[in-house]
Amino acid sequence: MRGEVIRRLRGAVAALVLAGLVVAPWFVDDYTASILARTLALGLVGVSVALLTGVAGMPTLGQTAPYAAGAYACAVLGSQISDVGVVQLAVAACAGAVLAALTVPLVVHARGVIVLMITLAIGELVVTVLGRWRSVTGGTDGLAGIAPVRPFWGLPVLANDQARYLYALVVVATLVGAVLLVLRTRVGLLLRAGRDDETRLRASGHRVPLHLSGAHILAGAIAGAAGSVLVVAQQYISPADFGFDTSALLLLGVVIGGTASVGGALVGAALVIAVRDWLFGVLPGHAPLVLGALFIATVYLLPTGVTRARAVRGRLRPPAAPASRPDDTPAPEPAPVSELRA
């Protein structure tokens, strides 16, 4: 009963948040709408990080690599071939998935901290290539003046920040809903089972590397689609958008929101970006230090993330002593051997 109430409460909160996001562009200025659109893009990358880190058990610092691949593929396509948003979104997702597929042999057979180091190296390598491939990416100067997109054929272009924000919201909400549906299927159960006990899953005859490869490619496609959303939101990209700082902030947001929670990844990314931007104005030069302290406090007090904040109760209160059994109360009888074997 209590679990059902909690689920309904979470659903109501999610519906209220979504309604607030829908009406937000009519109550904020253009700059804030642009910030919100970029936050949605980073939140979608955070979803891909949560899929790998919390669901599949592969911690990553390299999701900026497919994120960058999708963004640059979308920018080049929009400048030379098509300005249709769904086409750019599909191409960006494919670019992210292809890059993830190319790195599968390096990632899926490693575990723990080794995965972090490999994915970090991949992300930094991609950023270096983007900075030196000037004929396509514009080098460290980036690509500016990217043409605005139209959502579908025959529709007008997204000419203002409010329209671009609403487009980003629709894309992100659709993709997050699709991820949630996939995780409710047998695929999500297998990924969680491999995360919790990989040896037992292998002994059951399941091909764990194949499952992890699929999760890695799916996460790459999601991050690539987020790159398309970023291009639509700010109409400018550079290698600085995909550096180590972005990777660290994404992982920090996922940990704060809850590593195994898709919605928590969005919430965590939004919190980190909001705190970072606010601290840069209030405490210039000290924002990274405060973010690090926030990260440590969250890991200690809320190990499952802010979306499951009731865990803090057990951290702050000592465990209750077990109630003593009166001497005249008969001891419980041992369970039959047949039940123990079962």
C-alpha atoms as a PDB file:
ATOM      1  CA  MET A   1       0.000   0.000   0.000  1.00  0.00           C
ATOM      2  CA  ARG A   2       2.747   2.424   0.932  1.00  0.00           C
ATOM      3  CA  GLY A   3       4.656   1.606  -2.241  1.00  0.00           C
ATOM      4  CA  GLU A   4       1.586   2.310  -4.345  1.00  0.00           C
ATOM      5  CA  VAL A   5       1.129   5.697  -2.658  1.00  0.00           C
ATOM      6  CA  ILE A   6       4.767   6.578  -3.292  1.00  0.00           C
ATOM      7  CA  ARG A   7       4.474   5.598  -6.951  1.00  0.00           C
ATOM      8  CA  ARG A   8       1.363   7.722  -7.376  1.00  0.00           C
ATOM      9  CA  LEU A   9       3.019  10.635  -5.633  1.00  0.00           C
ATOM     10  CA  ARG A  10       6.034  10.388  -7.936  1.00  0.00           C
ATOM     11  CA  GLY A  11       3.748  10.240 -10.955  1.00  0.00           C
ATOM     12  CA  ALA A  12       1.903  13.355  -9.791  1.00  0.00           C
ATOM     13  CA  VAL A  13       5.173  15.217  -9.208  1.00  0.00           C
ATOM     14  CA  ALA A  14       6.452  14.186 -12.651  1.00  0.00           C
ATOM     15  CA  ALA A  15       3.212  15.394 -14.262  1.00  0.00           C
ATOM     16  CA  LEU A  16       3.464  18.749 -12.471  1.00  0.00           C
ATOM     17  CA  VAL A  17       7.100  19.177 -13.521  1.00  0.00           C
ATOM     18  CA  LEU A  18       6.255  18.350 -17.130  1.00  0.00           C
ATOM     19  CA  ALA A  19       3.359  20.817 -17.096  1.00  0.00           C
ATOM     20  CA  GLY A  20       5.671  23.477 -15.681  1.00  0.00           C
ATOM     21  CA  LEU A  21       8.232  22.815 -18.413  1.00  0.00           C
ATOM     22  CA  VAL A  22       5.545  23.128 -21.085  1.00  0.00           C
ATOM     23  CA  VAL A  23       4.332  26.542 -19.906  1.00  0.00           C
ATOM     24  CA  ALA A  24       7.818  27.813 -18.975  1.00  0.00           C
ATOM     25  CA  PRO A  25       8.598  29.615 -22.290  1.00  0.00           C
ATOM     26  CA  TRP A  26       5.646  31.964 -21.790  1.00  0.00           C
ATOM     27  CA  PHE A  27       6.961  33.097 -18.389  1.00  0.00           C
ATOM     28  CA  VAL A  28      10.720  33.421 -18.997  1.00  0.00           C
ATOM     29  CA  ASP A  29      12.864  35.554 -21.281  1.00  0.00           C
ATOM     30  CA  ASP A  30      14.709  34.353 -24.382  1.00  0.00           C
ATOM     31  CA  TYR A  31      18.011  33.825 -22.583  1.00  0.00           C
ATOM     32  CA  THR A  32      16.424  31.620 -19.906  1.00  0.00           C
ATOM     33  CA  ALA A  33      14.580  29.624 -22.555  1.00  0.00           C
ATOM     34  CA  SER A  34      17.890  29.011 -24.320  1.00  0.00           C
ATOM     35  CA  ILE A  35      19.509  27.890 -21.058  1.00  0.00           C
ATOM     36  CA  LEU A  36      16.614  25.517 -20.408  1.00  0.00           C
ATOM     37  CA  ALA A  37      16.945  24.000 -23.879  1.00  0.00           C
ATOM     38  CA  ARG A  38      20.671  23.376 -23.381  1.00  0.00           C
ATOM     39  CA  THR A  39      19.925  21.898 -19.964  1.00  0.00           C
ATOM     40  CA  LEU A  40      17.494  19.475 -21.583  1.00  0.00           C
ATOM     41  CA  ALA A  41      20.213  18.405 -24.021  1.00  0.00           C
ATOM     42  CA  LEU A  42      22.672  17.750 -21.199  1.00  0.00           C
ATOM     43  CA  GLY A  43      19.954  15.981 -19.225  1.00  0.00           C
ATOM     44  CA  LEU A  44      19.425  13.610 -22.151  1.00  0.00           C
ATOM     45  CA  VAL A  45      23.142  12.813 -22.154  1.00  0.00           C
ATOM     46  CA  GLY A  46      22.765  12.229 -18.415  1.00  0.00           C
ATOM     47  CA  VAL A  47      20.084   9.644 -19.206  1.00  0.00           C
ATOM     48  CA  SER A  48      22.596   7.768 -21.357  1.00  0.00           C
ATOM     49  CA  VAL A  49      25.126   7.936 -18.498  1.00  0.00           C
ATOM     50  CA  ALA A  50      22.522   6.581 -16.056  1.00  0.00           C
ATOM     51  CA  LEU A  51      21.679   3.776 -18.484  1.00  0.00           C
ATOM     52  CA  LEU A  52      25.306   2.642 -18.548  1.00  0.00           C
ATOM     53  CA  THR A  53      26.358   3.464 -14.979  1.00  0.00           C
ATOM     54  CA  GLY A  54      23.292   2.621 -12.932  1.00  0.00           C
ATOM     55  CA  VAL A  55      21.419   0.062 -15.035  1.00  0.00           C
ATOM     56  CA  ALA A  56      24.163  -1.795 -16.897  1.00  0.00           C
ATOM     57  CA  GLY A  57      26.863  -1.367 -14.247  1.00  0.00           C
ATOM     58  CA  MET A  58      29.438   0.278 -16.530  1.00  0.00           C
ATOM     59  CA  PRO A  59      30.522   3.653 -15.053  1.00  0.00           C
ATOM     60  CA  THR A  60      31.486   6.033 -17.816  1.00  0.00           C
ATOM     61  CA  LEU A  61      33.151   9.375 -18.341  1.00  0.00           C
ATOM     62  CA  GLY A  62      33.050   9.178 -22.132  1.00  0.00           C
ATOM     63  CA  GLN A  63      29.469   9.865 -23.179  1.00  0.00           C
ATOM     64  CA  THR A  64      30.605  13.233 -24.478  1.00  0.00           C
ATOM     65  CA  ALA A  65      32.174  11.333 -27.393  1.00  0.00           C
ATOM     66  CA  PRO A  66      28.878  10.178 -29.019  1.00  0.00           C
ATOM     67  CA  TYR A  67      27.358  13.463 -27.855  1.00  0.00           C
ATOM     68  CA  ALA A  68      29.946  15.350 -29.925  1.00  0.00           C
ATOM     69  CA  ALA A  69      29.618  12.949 -32.868  1.00  0.00           C
ATOM     70  CA  GLY A  70      25.874  13.532 -33.011  1.00  0.00           C
ATOM     71  CA  ALA A  71      26.233  17.295 -32.662  1.00  0.00           C
ATOM     72  CA  TYR A  72      28.771  17.685 -35.459  1.00  0.00           C
ATOM     73  CA  ALA A  73      26.927  15.265 -37.739  1.00  0.00           C
ATOM     74  CA  CYS A  74      23.757  17.323 -37.226  1.00  0.00           C
ATOM     75  CA  ALA A  75      25.590  20.619 -37.822  1.00  0.00           C
ATOM     76  CA  VAL A  76      27.248  19.448 -41.035  1.00  0.00           C
ATOM     77  CA  LEU A  77      24.007  17.910 -42.305  1.00  0.00           C
ATOM     78  CA  GLY A  78      22.041  21.067 -41.510  1.00  0.00           C
ATOM     79  CA  SER A  79      24.538  23.288 -43.275  1.00  0.00           C
ATOM     80  CA  GLN A  80      24.815  21.260 -46.480  1.00  0.00           C
ATOM     81  CA  ILE A  81      21.920  18.834 -46.965  1.00  0.00           C
ATOM     82  CA  SER A  82      18.738  19.155 -44.890  1.00  0.00           C
ATOM     83  CA  ASP A  83      17.257  21.510 -42.320  1.00  0.00           C
ATOM     84  CA  VAL A  84      14.511  19.063 -41.234  1.00  0.00           C
ATOM     85  CA  GLY A  85      14.735  18.353 -37.517  1.00  0.00           C
ATOM     86  CA  VAL A  86      13.684  14.684 -37.593  1.00  0.00           C
ATOM     87  CA  VAL A  87      16.269  13.938 -40.287  1.00  0.00           C
ATOM     88  CA  GLN A  88      19.017  15.638 -38.293  1.00  0.00           C
ATOM     89  CA  LEU A  89      17.891  13.830 -35.149  1.00  0.00           C
ATOM     90  CA  ALA A  90      18.046  10.438 -36.869  1.00  0.00           C
ATOM     91  CA  VAL A  91      21.468  11.129 -38.388  1.00  0.00           C
ATOM     92  CA  ALA A  92      22.824  12.356 -35.042  1.00  0.00           C
ATOM     93  CA  ALA A  93      21.532   9.261 -33.241  1.00  0.00           C
ATOM     94  CA  CYS A  94      23.105   7.029 -35.895  1.00  0.00           C
ATOM     95  CA  ALA A  95      26.428   8.874 -35.590  1.00  0.00           C
ATOM     96  CA  GLY A  96      26.443   8.391 -31.824  1.00  0.00           C
ATOM     97  CA  ALA A  97      25.502   4.725 -32.171  1.00  0.00           C
ATOM     98  CA  VAL A  98      28.232   4.085 -34.773  1.00  0.00           C
ATOM     99  CA  LEU A  99      30.903   5.676 -32.594  1.00  0.00           C
ATOM    100  CA  ALA A 100      29.699   3.640 -29.619  1.00  0.00           C
ATOM    101  CA  ALA A 101      29.762   0.455 -31.729  1.00  0.00           C
ATOM    102  CA  LEU A 102      33.352   1.148 -32.756  1.00  0.00           C
ATOM    103  CA  THR A 103      34.394   1.392 -29.099  1.00  0.00           C
ATOM    104  CA  VAL A 104      32.487  -1.711 -27.926  1.00  0.00           C
ATOM    105  CA  PRO A 105      35.581  -3.995 -27.914  1.00  0.00           C
ATOM    106  CA  LEU A 106      37.387  -1.526 -25.654  1.00  0.00           C
ATOM    107  CA  VAL A 107      34.581  -1.041 -23.140  1.00  0.00           C
ATOM    108  CA  VAL A 108      32.351  -4.078 -22.617  1.00  0.00           C
ATOM    109  CA  HIS A 109      35.106  -6.458 -21.480  1.00  0.00           C
ATOM    110  CA  ALA A 110      36.438  -4.077 -18.810  1.00  0.00           C
ATOM    111  CA  ARG A 111      34.984  -3.451 -15.372  1.00  0.00           C
ATOM    112  CA  GLY A 112      35.075  -0.848 -12.606  1.00  0.00           C
ATOM    113  CA  VAL A 113      37.619   1.944 -12.648  1.00  0.00           C
ATOM    114  CA  ILE A 114      39.163   0.567 -15.837  1.00  0.00           C
ATOM    115  CA  VAL A 115      35.956   1.396 -17.697  1.00  0.00           C
ATOM    116  CA  LEU A 116      36.123   4.952 -16.375  1.00  0.00           C
ATOM    117  CA  MET A 117      39.670   5.369 -17.616  1.00  0.00           C
ATOM    118  CA  ILE A 118      38.953   3.872 -21.046  1.00  0.00           C
ATOM    119  CA  THR A 119      35.840   5.967 -21.617  1.00  0.00           C
ATOM    120  CA  LEU A 120      37.621   9.102 -20.409  1.00  0.00           C
ATOM    121  CA  ALA A 121      40.427   8.450 -22.890  1.00  0.00           C
ATOM    122  CA  ILE A 122      37.912   7.944 -25.706  1.00  0.00           C
ATOM    123  CA  GLY A 123      36.166  11.208 -24.878  1.00  0.00           C
ATOM    124  CA  GLU A 124      39.394  13.183 -24.756  1.00  0.00           C
ATOM    125  CA  LEU A 125      40.585  11.600 -28.014  1.00  0.00           C
ATOM    126  CA  VAL A 126      37.385  12.641 -29.779  1.00  0.00           C
ATOM    127  CA  VAL A 127      37.707  16.208 -28.488  1.00  0.00           C
ATOM    128  CA  THR A 128      41.307  16.340 -29.729  1.00  0.00           C
ATOM    129  CA  VAL A 129      40.276  15.127 -33.192  1.00  0.00           C
ATOM    130  CA  LEU A 130      37.495  17.712 -33.333  1.00  0.00           C
ATOM    131  CA  GLY A 131      39.935  20.470 -32.448  1.00  0.00           C
ATOM    132  CA  ARG A 132      42.354  19.526 -35.234  1.00  0.00           C
ATOM    133  CA  TRP A 133      39.968  18.582 -38.057  1.00  0.00           C
ATOM    134  CA  ARG A 134      39.447  22.192 -39.096  1.00  0.00           C
ATOM    135  CA  SER A 135      38.123  21.474 -42.599  1.00  0.00           C
ATOM    136  CA  VAL A 136      35.012  19.787 -41.165  1.00  0.00           C
ATOM    137  CA  THR A 137      34.640  20.918 -37.559  1.00  0.00           C
ATOM    138  CA  GLY A 138      36.116  24.416 -37.726  1.00  0.00           C
ATOM    139  CA  GLY A 139      38.785  23.411 -35.207  1.00  0.00           C
ATOM    140  CA  THR A 140      38.797  25.063 -31.818  1.00  0.00           C
ATOM    141  CA  ASP A 141      36.786  27.956 -33.270  1.00  0.00           C
ATOM    142  CA  GLY A 142      33.838  25.640 -33.750  1.00  0.00           C
ATOM    143  CA  LEU A 143      30.937  25.936 -36.179  1.00  0.00           C
ATOM    144  CA  ALA A 144      28.902  29.136 -35.960  1.00  0.00           C
ATOM    145  CA  GLY A 145      25.878  30.415 -37.828  1.00  0.00           C
ATOM    146  CA  ILE A 146      24.169  27.022 -38.096  1.00  0.00           C
ATOM    147  CA  ALA A 147      20.885  27.409 -39.947  1.00  0.00           C
ATOM    148  CA  PRO A 148      17.682  27.042 -37.878  1.00  0.00           C
ATOM    149  CA  VAL A 149      15.741  23.815 -38.326  1.00  0.00           C
ATOM    150  CA  ARG A 150      12.126  23.013 -39.136  1.00  0.00           C
ATOM    151  CA  PRO A 151      10.615  20.111 -37.132  1.00  0.00           C
ATOM    152  CA  PHE A 152       9.050  18.399 -40.169  1.00  0.00           C
ATOM    153  CA  TRP A 153       8.802  18.939 -43.892  1.00  0.00           C
ATOM    154  CA  GLY A 154       6.515  21.860 -44.751  1.00  0.00           C
ATOM    155  CA  LEU A 155       6.597  23.446 -41.297  1.00  0.00           C
ATOM    156  CA  PRO A 156       8.196  26.851 -40.607  1.00  0.00           C
ATOM    157  CA  VAL A 157      11.661  27.048 -39.118  1.00  0.00           C
ATOM    158  CA  LEU A 158      12.179  27.460 -35.372  1.00  0.00           C
ATOM    159  CA  ALA A 159      12.908  31.168 -35.450  1.00  0.00           C
ATOM    160  CA  ASN A 160      13.062  32.036 -31.729  1.00  0.00           C
ATOM    161  CA  ASP A 161      14.319  30.595 -28.470  1.00  0.00           C
ATOM    162  CA  GLN A 162      10.854  29.677 -27.208  1.00  0.00           C
ATOM    163  CA  ALA A 163      10.152  27.546 -30.278  1.00  0.00           C
ATOM    164  CA  ARG A 164      13.550  25.879 -30.068  1.00  0.00           C
ATOM    165  CA  TYR A 165      12.980  25.122 -26.384  1.00  0.00           C
ATOM    166  CA  LEU A 166       9.612  23.488 -27.067  1.00  0.00           C
ATOM    167  CA  TYR A 167      11.187  21.392 -29.828  1.00  0.00           C
ATOM    168  CA  ALA A 168      13.919  20.273 -27.417  1.00  0.00           C
ATOM    169  CA  LEU A 169      11.315  19.444 -24.766  1.00  0.00           C
ATOM    170  CA  VAL A 170       9.278  17.283 -27.152  1.00  0.00           C
ATOM    171  CA  VAL A 171      12.371  15.408 -28.369  1.00  0.00           C
ATOM    172  CA  VAL A 172      13.745  14.803 -24.877  1.00  0.00           C
ATOM    173  CA  ALA A 173      10.373  13.748 -23.442  1.00  0.00           C
ATOM    174  CA  THR A 174       9.823  11.305 -26.319  1.00  0.00           C
ATOM    175  CA  LEU A 175      13.252   9.720 -26.015  1.00  0.00           C
ATOM    176  CA  VAL A 176      13.098   9.491 -22.219  1.00  0.00           C
ATOM    177  CA  GLY A 177       9.684   7.820 -22.477  1.00  0.00           C
ATOM    178  CA  ALA A 178      11.104   5.327 -24.987  1.00  0.00           C
ATOM    179  CA  VAL A 179      14.028   4.523 -22.664  1.00  0.00           C
ATOM    180  CA  LEU A 180      11.654   3.959 -19.733  1.00  0.00           C
ATOM    181  CA  LEU A 181       9.564   1.579 -21.823  1.00  0.00           C
ATOM    182  CA  VAL A 182      12.655  -0.375 -22.894  1.00  0.00           C
ATOM    183  CA  LEU A 183      13.849  -0.688 -19.302  1.00  0.00           C
ATOM    184  CA  ARG A 184      10.486  -2.202 -18.313  1.00  0.00           C
ATOM    185  CA  THR A 185      10.997  -5.059 -20.765  1.00  0.00           C
ATOM    186  CA  ARG A 186      13.153  -8.167 -20.518  1.00  0.00           C
ATOM    187  CA  VAL A 187      16.107  -6.084 -21.738  1.00  0.00           C
ATOM    188  CA  GLY A 188      16.061  -3.933 -18.616  1.00  0.00           C
ATOM    189  CA  LEU A 189      15.760  -6.983 -16.361  1.00  0.00           C
ATOM    190  CA  LEU A 190      18.770  -8.637 -17.985  1.00  0.00           C
ATOM    191  CA  LEU A 191      20.894  -5.497 -17.681  1.00  0.00           C
ATOM    192  CA  ARG A 192      20.059  -5.134 -13.997  1.00  0.00           C
ATOM    193  CA  ALA A 193      20.682  -8.827 -13.391  1.00  0.00           C
ATOM    194  CA  GLY A 194      24.118  -8.564 -14.982  1.00  0.00           C
ATOM    195  CA  ARG A 195      24.896  -5.520 -12.891  1.00  0.00           C
ATOM    196  CA  ASP A 196      23.909  -7.270  -9.654  1.00  0.00           C
ATOM    197  CA  ASP A 197      25.402 -10.724 -10.301  1.00  0.00           C
ATOM    198  CA  GLU A 198      27.184 -11.160 -13.606  1.00  0.00           C
ATOM    199  CA  THR A 199      28.538 -14.605 -12.704  1.00  0.00           C
ATOM    200  CA  ARG A 200      25.085 -16.028 -12.066  1.00  0.00           C
ATOM    201  CA  LEU A 201      23.735 -14.505 -15.273  1.00  0.00           C
ATOM    202  CA  ARG A 202      26.572 -16.106 -17.256  1.00  0.00           C
ATOM    203  CA  ALA A 203      25.924 -19.431 -15.549  1.00  0.00           C
ATOM    204  CA  SER A 204      22.285 -19.190 -16.654  1.00  0.00           C
ATOM    205  CA  GLY A 205      23.415 -19.226 -20.280  1.00  0.00           C
ATOM    206  CA  HIS A 206      23.029 -15.506 -21.059  1.00  0.00           C
ATOM    207  CA  ARG A 207      25.586 -13.715 -23.217  1.00  0.00           C
ATOM    208  CA  VAL A 208      26.465 -10.812 -20.952  1.00  0.00           C
ATOM    209  CA  PRO A 209      28.885  -9.091 -23.388  1.00  0.00           C
ATOM    210  CA  LEU A 210      26.126  -9.010 -26.001  1.00  0.00           C
ATOM    211  CA  HIS A 211      23.741  -7.337 -23.544  1.00  0.00           C
ATOM    212  CA  LEU A 212      26.350  -4.782 -22.540  1.00  0.00           C
ATOM    213  CA  SER A 213      27.189  -4.084 -26.186  1.00  0.00           C
ATOM    214  CA  GLY A 214      23.543  -3.357 -26.918  1.00  0.00           C
ATOM    215  CA  ALA A 215      23.296  -1.049 -23.905  1.00  0.00           C
ATOM    216  CA  HIS A 216      26.482   0.754 -24.942  1.00  0.00           C
ATOM    217  CA  ILE A 217      25.210   1.319 -28.489  1.00  0.00           C
ATOM    218  CA  LEU A 218      21.775   2.416 -27.262  1.00  0.00           C
ATOM    219  CA  ALA A 219      23.392   4.895 -24.862  1.00  0.00           C
ATOM    220  CA  GLY A 220      25.527   6.193 -27.729  1.00  0.00           C
ATOM    221  CA  ALA A 221      22.425   6.752 -29.857  1.00  0.00           C
ATOM    222  CA  ILE A 222      20.740   8.664 -27.019  1.00  0.00           C
ATOM    223  CA  ALA A 223      23.810  10.850 -26.508  1.00  0.00           C
ATOM    224  CA  GLY A 224      24.031  11.468 -30.269  1.00  0.00           C
ATOM    225  CA  ALA A 225      20.400  12.588 -30.323  1.00  0.00           C
ATOM    226  CA  ALA A 226      21.207  14.943 -27.444  1.00  0.00           C
ATOM    227  CA  GLY A 227      23.913  16.455 -29.647  1.00  0.00           C
ATOM    228  CA  SER A 228      21.250  17.290 -32.221  1.00  0.00           C
ATOM    229  CA  VAL A 229      19.171  18.985 -29.522  1.00  0.00           C
ATOM    230  CA  LEU A 230      22.213  21.040 -28.494  1.00  0.00           C
ATOM    231  CA  VAL A 231      22.763  22.234 -32.066  1.00  0.00           C
ATOM    232  CA  VAL A 232      19.129  23.282 -32.368  1.00  0.00           C
ATOM    233  CA  ALA A 233      19.250  25.058 -29.002  1.00  0.00           C
ATOM    234  CA  GLN A 234      22.368  27.183 -29.404  1.00  0.00           C
ATOM    235  CA  GLN A 235      23.133  27.097 -33.178  1.00  0.00           C
ATOM    236  CA  TYR A 236      26.832  26.957 -32.376  1.00  0.00           C
ATOM    237  CA  ILE A 237      29.149  24.167 -31.249  1.00  0.00           C
ATOM    238  CA  SER A 238      32.837  23.870 -30.437  1.00  0.00           C
ATOM    239  CA  PRO A 239      35.084  21.216 -28.871  1.00  0.00           C
ATOM    240  CA  ALA A 240      34.795  23.092 -25.572  1.00  0.00           C
ATOM    241  CA  ASP A 241      31.188  21.883 -25.301  1.00  0.00           C
ATOM    242  CA  PHE A 242      32.387  18.275 -24.988  1.00  0.00           C
ATOM    243  CA  GLY A 243      35.476  18.451 -22.770  1.00  0.00           C
ATOM    244  CA  PHE A 244      36.275  16.756 -19.479  1.00  0.00           C
ATOM    245  CA  ASP A 245      34.365  19.388 -17.492  1.00  0.00           C
ATOM    246  CA  THR A 246      31.159  18.348 -19.234  1.00  0.00           C
ATOM    247  CA  SER A 247      31.875  14.646 -18.586  1.00  0.00           C
ATOM    248  CA  ALA A 248      32.505  15.279 -14.890  1.00  0.00           C
ATOM    249  CA  LEU A 249      29.364  17.402 -14.513  1.00  0.00           C
ATOM    250  CA  LEU A 250      27.265  14.717 -16.203  1.00  0.00           C
ATOM    251  CA  LEU A 251      28.536  11.976 -13.908  1.00  0.00           C
ATOM    252  CA  LEU A 252      28.080  14.260 -10.899  1.00  0.00           C
ATOM    253  CA  GLY A 253      24.494  14.978 -11.937  1.00  0.00           C
ATOM    254  CA  VAL A 254      23.730  11.284 -12.375  1.00  0.00           C
ATOM    255  CA  VAL A 255      25.154  10.446  -8.935  1.00  0.00           C
ATOM    256  CA  ILE A 256      23.151  13.265  -7.329  1.00  0.00           C
ATOM    257  CA  GLY A 257      19.952  12.254  -9.087  1.00  0.00           C
ATOM    258  CA  GLY A 258      20.413   8.517  -8.550  1.00  0.00           C
ATOM    259  CA  THR A 259      22.571   6.346 -10.768  1.00  0.00           C
ATOM    260  CA  ALA A 260      19.802   3.868 -11.575  1.00  0.00           C
ATOM    261  CA  SER A 261      17.090   6.484 -12.128  1.00  0.00           C
ATOM    262  CA  VAL A 262      16.366   7.905 -15.571  1.00  0.00           C
ATOM    263  CA  GLY A 263      14.279  10.726 -14.142  1.00  0.00           C
ATOM    264  CA  GLY A 264      16.916  11.312 -11.494  1.00  0.00           C
ATOM    265  CA  ALA A 265      19.517  11.823 -14.218  1.00  0.00           C
ATOM    266  CA  LEU A 266      17.458  14.680 -15.634  1.00  0.00           C
ATOM    267  CA  VAL A 267      16.907  16.184 -12.189  1.00  0.00           C
ATOM    268  CA  GLY A 268      20.571  15.825 -11.245  1.00  0.00           C
ATOM    269  CA  ALA A 269      21.796  17.420 -14.474  1.00  0.00           C
ATOM    270  CA  ALA A 270      19.435  20.351 -13.991  1.00  0.00           C
ATOM    271  CA  LEU A 271      20.534  20.817 -10.370  1.00  0.00           C
ATOM    272  CA  VAL A 272      24.228  20.704 -11.219  1.00  0.00           C
ATOM    273  CA  ILE A 273      23.906  23.190 -14.081  1.00  0.00           C
ATOM    274  CA  ALA A 274      21.752  25.543 -12.003  1.00  0.00           C
ATOM    275  CA  VAL A 275      24.121  25.417  -9.028  1.00  0.00           C
ATOM    276  CA  ARG A 276      27.172  25.839 -11.257  1.00  0.00           C
ATOM    277  CA  ASP A 277      25.775  28.882 -13.070  1.00  0.00           C
ATOM    278  CA  TRP A 278      24.577  30.464  -9.825  1.00  0.00           C
ATOM    279  CA  LEU A 279      27.873  29.813  -8.034  1.00  0.00           C
ATOM    280  CA  PHE A 280      29.916  31.248 -10.903  1.00  0.00           C
ATOM    281  CA  GLY A 281      28.203  34.554 -10.253  1.00  0.00           C
ATOM    282  CA  VAL A 282      28.213  34.419  -6.448  1.00  0.00           C
ATOM    283  CA  LEU A 283      31.595  32.739  -5.835  1.00  0.00           C
ATOM    284  CA  PRO A 284      33.805  33.393  -8.838  1.00  0.00           C
ATOM    285  CA  GLY A 285      36.658  30.918  -8.960  1.00  0.00           C
ATOM    286  CA  HIS A 286      35.250  28.719  -6.181  1.00  0.00           C
ATOM    287  CA  ALA A 287      32.325  27.042  -7.987  1.00  0.00           C
ATOM    288  CA  PRO A 288      34.236  23.761  -8.685  1.00  0.00           C
ATOM    289  CA  LEU A 289      35.186  23.500  -4.994  1.00  0.00           C
ATOM    290  CA  VAL A 290      31.564  23.899  -3.877  1.00  0.00           C
ATOM    291  CA  LEU A 291      30.376  21.401  -6.496  1.00  0.00           C
ATOM    292  CA  GLY A 292      32.927  18.902  -5.214  1.00  0.00           C
ATOM    293  CA  ALA A 293      31.714  19.383  -1.648  1.00  0.00           C
ATOM    294  CA  LEU A 294      28.143  18.926  -2.858  1.00  0.00           C
ATOM    295  CA  PHE A 295      29.165  15.691  -4.563  1.00  0.00           C
ATOM    296  CA  ILE A 296      30.797  14.304  -1.401  1.00  0.00           C
ATOM    297  CA  ALA A 297      27.818  15.256   0.758  1.00  0.00           C
ATOM    298  CA  THR A 298      25.401  13.644  -1.669  1.00  0.00           C
ATOM    299  CA  VAL A 299      27.355  10.393  -1.850  1.00  0.00           C
ATOM    300  CA  TYR A 300      27.470  10.174   1.952  1.00  0.00           C
ATOM    301  CA  LEU A 301      23.961  11.338   2.865  1.00  0.00           C
ATOM    302  CA  LEU A 302      22.013  10.230  -0.211  1.00  0.00           C
ATOM    303  CA  PRO A 303      23.804   7.207  -1.675  1.00  0.00           C
ATOM    304  CA  THR A 304      20.807   6.433  -3.896  1.00  0.00           C
ATOM    305  CA  GLY A 305      20.327  10.035  -5.059  1.00  0.00           C
ATOM    306  CA  VAL A 306      17.917  12.850  -4.313  1.00  0.00           C
ATOM    307  CA  THR A 307      15.055  11.000  -6.029  1.00  0.00           C
ATOM    308  CA  ARG A 308      15.171   8.488  -3.147  1.00  0.00           C
ATOM    309  CA  ALA A 309      15.923  10.944  -0.359  1.00  0.00           C
ATOM    310  CA  ARG A 310      14.448   8.790   2.395  1.00  0.00           C
ATOM    311  CA  ALA A 311      17.820   7.043   2.552  1.00  0.00           C
ATOM    312  CA  VAL A 312      19.147  10.026   4.514  1.00  0.00           C
ATOM    313  CA  ARG A 313      17.044   8.978   7.483  1.00  0.00           C
ATOM    314  CA  GLY A 314      19.160   5.906   8.002  1.00  0.00           C
ATOM    315  CA  ARG A 315      22.365   7.949   7.731  1.00  0.00           C
ATOM    316  CA  LEU A 316      21.415  10.558  10.310  1.00  0.00           C
ATOM    317  CA  ARG A 317      19.656   8.350  12.857  1.00  0.00           C
ATOM    318  CA  PRO A 318      21.283   5.460  14.680  1.00  0.00           C
ATOM    319  CA  PRO A 319      19.691   2.055  14.100  1.00  0.00           C
ATOM    320  CA  ALA A 320      17.025   1.153  16.597  1.00  0.00           C
ATOM    321  CA  ALA A 321      17.877  -1.578  19.076  1.00  0.00           C
ATOM    322  CA  PRO A 322      15.948  -4.818  18.517  1.00  0.00           C
ATOM    323  CA  ALA A 323      13.093  -5.342  20.910  1.00  0.00           C
ATOM    324  CA  SER A 324      13.953  -7.836  23.667  1.00  0.00           C
ATOM    325  CA  ARG A 325      11.866 -10.985  23.817  1.00  0.00           C
ATOM    326  CA  PRO A 326      10.407 -11.853  27.238  1.00  0.00           C
ATOM    327  CA  ASP A 327      11.833 -14.988  28.832  1.00  0.00           C
ATOM    328  CA  ASP A 328       8.455 -16.683  28.891  1.00  0.00           C
ATOM    329  CA  THR A 329       8.010 -16.292  25.119  1.00  0.00           C
ATOM    330  CA  PRO A 330       8.743 -19.564  23.375  1.00  0.00           C
ATOM    331  CA  ALA A 331      11.576 -19.468  20.857  1.00  0.00           C
ATOM    332  CA  PRO A 332      10.542 -19.840  17.229  1.00  0.00           C
ATOM    333  CA  GLU A 333      10.783 -23.358  15.873  1.00  0.00           C
ATOM    334  CA  PRO A 334      13.403 -23.986  13.201  1.00  0.00           C
ATOM    335  CA  ALA A 335      12.186 -24.193   9.644  1.00  0.00           C
ATOM    336  CA  PRO A 336      11.822 -27.662   8.134  1.00  0.00           C
ATOM    337  CA  VAL A 337      14.751 -28.945   6.112  1.00  0.00           C
ATOM    338  CA  SER A 338      12.638 -29.058   2.986  1.00  0.00           C
ATOM    339  CA  GLU A 339      12.014 -25.298   3.209  1.00  0.00           C
ATOM    340  CA  LEU A 340      15.677 -24.578   3.775  1.00  0.00           C
ATOM    341  CA  ARG A 341      16.605 -26.514   0.676  1.00  0.00           C
ATOM    342  CA  ALA A 342      13.984 -24.675  -1.341  1.00  0.00           C
END
